Amino acid sequence: MPVKGWIEVDERYCKGCELCISECPQNVLALDLDHLTPKGYHPVMLKMEGCTGCGICAIMCPEAALTVYREVPQKAAQAVQPSGG
């Protein structure tokens, strides 16, 4: 089962420069052409499923506008649960 990830975009900082889009290895990012930020830019968004939460987009963002999240796989989540007793 592939790892699932997602991003949150802080629209106060995203300027639609597309650096994150060009570097995304999964090619799942695009500009949201139906929406403008308060500063008048088209922000980045996930255009489809397939994000793995690798974080490359956040590293490339010069404005630190992206936060990347990664789903914890079931086996790993069970391994870190404290045992009762």
C-alpha atoms as a PDB file:
ATOM      1  CA  MET A   1       0.000   0.000   0.000  1.00  0.00           C
ATOM      2  CA  PRO A   2       1.587   3.310  -1.047  1.00  0.00           C
ATOM      3  CA  VAL A   3       2.146   6.036   1.518  1.00  0.00           C
ATOM      4  CA  LYS A   4      -0.355   8.880   1.272  1.00  0.00           C
ATOM      5  CA  GLY A   5       0.498  12.501   1.815  1.00  0.00           C
ATOM      6  CA  TRP A   6      -1.086  15.906   1.460  1.00  0.00           C
ATOM      7  CA  ILE A   7      -0.160  19.552   1.642  1.00  0.00           C
ATOM      8  CA  GLU A   8      -1.523  22.646   3.276  1.00  0.00           C
ATOM      9  CA  VAL A   9      -0.859  25.967   1.575  1.00  0.00           C
ATOM     10  CA  ASP A  10      -0.500  29.164   3.576  1.00  0.00           C
ATOM     11  CA  GLU A  11      -2.075  31.614   1.148  1.00  0.00           C
ATOM     12  CA  ARG A  12      -0.467  34.549   2.942  1.00  0.00           C
ATOM     13  CA  TYR A  13       2.867  33.437   1.479  1.00  0.00           C
ATOM     14  CA  CYS A  14       2.200  31.464  -1.739  1.00  0.00           C
ATOM     15  CA  LYS A  15       3.022  33.589  -4.792  1.00  0.00           C
ATOM     16  CA  GLY A  16       2.279  30.964  -7.430  1.00  0.00           C
ATOM     17  CA  CYS A  17       5.918  30.782  -8.542  1.00  0.00           C
ATOM     18  CA  GLU A  18       5.462  27.103  -9.591  1.00  0.00           C
ATOM     19  CA  LEU A  19       8.824  25.925  -8.208  1.00  0.00           C
ATOM     20  CA  CYS A  20       7.045  23.295  -6.131  1.00  0.00           C
ATOM     21  CA  ILE A  21       5.033  22.177  -9.165  1.00  0.00           C
ATOM     22  CA  SER A  22       8.082  21.720 -11.361  1.00  0.00           C
ATOM     23  CA  GLU A  23       9.939  19.680  -8.716  1.00  0.00           C
ATOM     24  CA  CYS A  24       7.106  17.392  -7.573  1.00  0.00           C
ATOM     25  CA  PRO A  25       8.197  13.829  -8.468  1.00  0.00           C
ATOM     26  CA  GLN A  26       4.577  12.627  -8.424  1.00  0.00           C
ATOM     27  CA  ASN A  27       3.332  15.485 -10.651  1.00  0.00           C
ATOM     28  CA  VAL A  28       0.283  16.057  -8.452  1.00  0.00           C
ATOM     29  CA  LEU A  29       0.514  19.838  -7.941  1.00  0.00           C
ATOM     30  CA  ALA A  30      -0.987  22.629 -10.040  1.00  0.00           C
ATOM     31  CA  LEU A  31      -1.996  26.246  -9.681  1.00  0.00           C
ATOM     32  CA  ASP A  32      -5.593  26.795  -8.614  1.00  0.00           C
ATOM     33  CA  LEU A  33      -6.686  28.999 -11.498  1.00  0.00           C
ATOM     34  CA  ASP A  34     -10.179  29.387 -10.014  1.00  0.00           C
ATOM     35  CA  HIS A  35      -8.918  31.032  -6.834  1.00  0.00           C
ATOM     36  CA  LEU A  36      -6.802  34.063  -5.894  1.00  0.00           C
ATOM     37  CA  THR A  37      -4.945  34.653  -2.644  1.00  0.00           C
ATOM     38  CA  PRO A  38      -5.478  37.934  -0.758  1.00  0.00           C
ATOM     39  CA  LYS A  39      -2.372  39.242  -2.570  1.00  0.00           C
ATOM     40  CA  GLY A  40      -3.777  38.316  -5.993  1.00  0.00           C
ATOM     41  CA  TYR A  41      -1.804  35.151  -6.794  1.00  0.00           C
ATOM     42  CA  HIS A  42      -3.087  31.769  -7.909  1.00  0.00           C
ATOM     43  CA  PRO A  43      -2.006  29.400  -5.111  1.00  0.00           C
ATOM     44  CA  VAL A  44      -0.737  25.873  -5.547  1.00  0.00           C
ATOM     45  CA  MET A  45      -3.059  22.940  -4.847  1.00  0.00           C
ATOM     46  CA  LEU A  46      -3.146  19.153  -5.111  1.00  0.00           C
ATOM     47  CA  LYS A  47      -4.677  18.418  -8.511  1.00  0.00           C
ATOM     48  CA  MET A  48      -5.067  14.680  -7.921  1.00  0.00           C
ATOM     49  CA  GLU A  49      -4.327  11.880  -5.489  1.00  0.00           C
ATOM     50  CA  GLY A  50      -0.851  10.426  -5.474  1.00  0.00           C
ATOM     51  CA  CYS A  51       1.043  12.686  -3.078  1.00  0.00           C
ATOM     52  CA  THR A  52       3.477  10.608  -1.024  1.00  0.00           C
ATOM     53  CA  GLY A  53       4.378  13.360   1.430  1.00  0.00           C
ATOM     54  CA  CYS A  54       8.003  13.401   0.287  1.00  0.00           C
ATOM     55  CA  GLY A  55       8.366  17.100   1.191  1.00  0.00           C
ATOM     56  CA  ILE A  56      10.295  18.187  -1.895  1.00  0.00           C
ATOM     57  CA  CYS A  57       7.696  20.864  -2.651  1.00  0.00           C
ATOM     58  CA  ALA A  58       8.106  22.410   0.804  1.00  0.00           C
ATOM     59  CA  ILE A  59      11.892  22.365   0.493  1.00  0.00           C
ATOM     60  CA  MET A  60      11.725  24.118  -2.888  1.00  0.00           C
ATOM     61  CA  CYS A  61       9.263  26.797  -1.762  1.00  0.00           C
ATOM     62  CA  PRO A  62      11.194  30.069  -1.297  1.00  0.00           C
ATOM     63  CA  GLU A  63       8.356  31.511   0.794  1.00  0.00           C
ATOM     64  CA  ALA A  64       7.878  28.482   3.131  1.00  0.00           C
ATOM     65  CA  ALA A  65       4.203  28.481   2.169  1.00  0.00           C
ATOM     66  CA  LEU A  66       3.755  24.697   2.181  1.00  0.00           C
ATOM     67  CA  THR A  67       3.343  22.247   5.013  1.00  0.00           C
ATOM     68  CA  VAL A  68       3.548  18.582   4.043  1.00  0.00           C
ATOM     69  CA  TYR A  69       1.834  15.774   5.914  1.00  0.00           C
ATOM     70  CA  ARG A  70       2.370  12.053   5.571  1.00  0.00           C
ATOM     71  CA  GLU A  71       0.000   9.313   6.674  1.00  0.00           C
ATOM     72  CA  VAL A  72       1.499   6.873   9.163  1.00  0.00           C
ATOM     73  CA  PRO A  73       1.313   3.347   7.706  1.00  0.00           C
ATOM     74  CA  GLN A  74      -0.826   0.925   9.774  1.00  0.00           C
ATOM     75  CA  LYS A  75       2.088  -1.352  10.767  1.00  0.00           C
ATOM     76  CA  ALA A  76       4.195   1.577  11.957  1.00  0.00           C
ATOM     77  CA  ALA A  77       1.275   3.047  13.924  1.00  0.00           C
ATOM     78  CA  GLN A  78       0.737  -0.262  15.732  1.00  0.00           C
ATOM     79  CA  ALA A  79       4.454  -0.572  16.538  1.00  0.00           C
ATOM     80  CA  VAL A  80       4.590   2.790  18.360  1.00  0.00           C
ATOM     81  CA  GLN A  81       1.473   2.311  20.489  1.00  0.00           C
ATOM     82  CA  PRO A  82       2.425   1.944  24.155  1.00  0.00           C
ATOM     83  CA  SER A  83       1.556  -1.361  25.731  1.00  0.00           C
ATOM     84  CA  GLY A  84      -0.668  -1.370  28.762  1.00  0.00           C
ATOM     85  CA  GLY A  85       0.638  -2.659  32.038  1.00  0.00           C
END
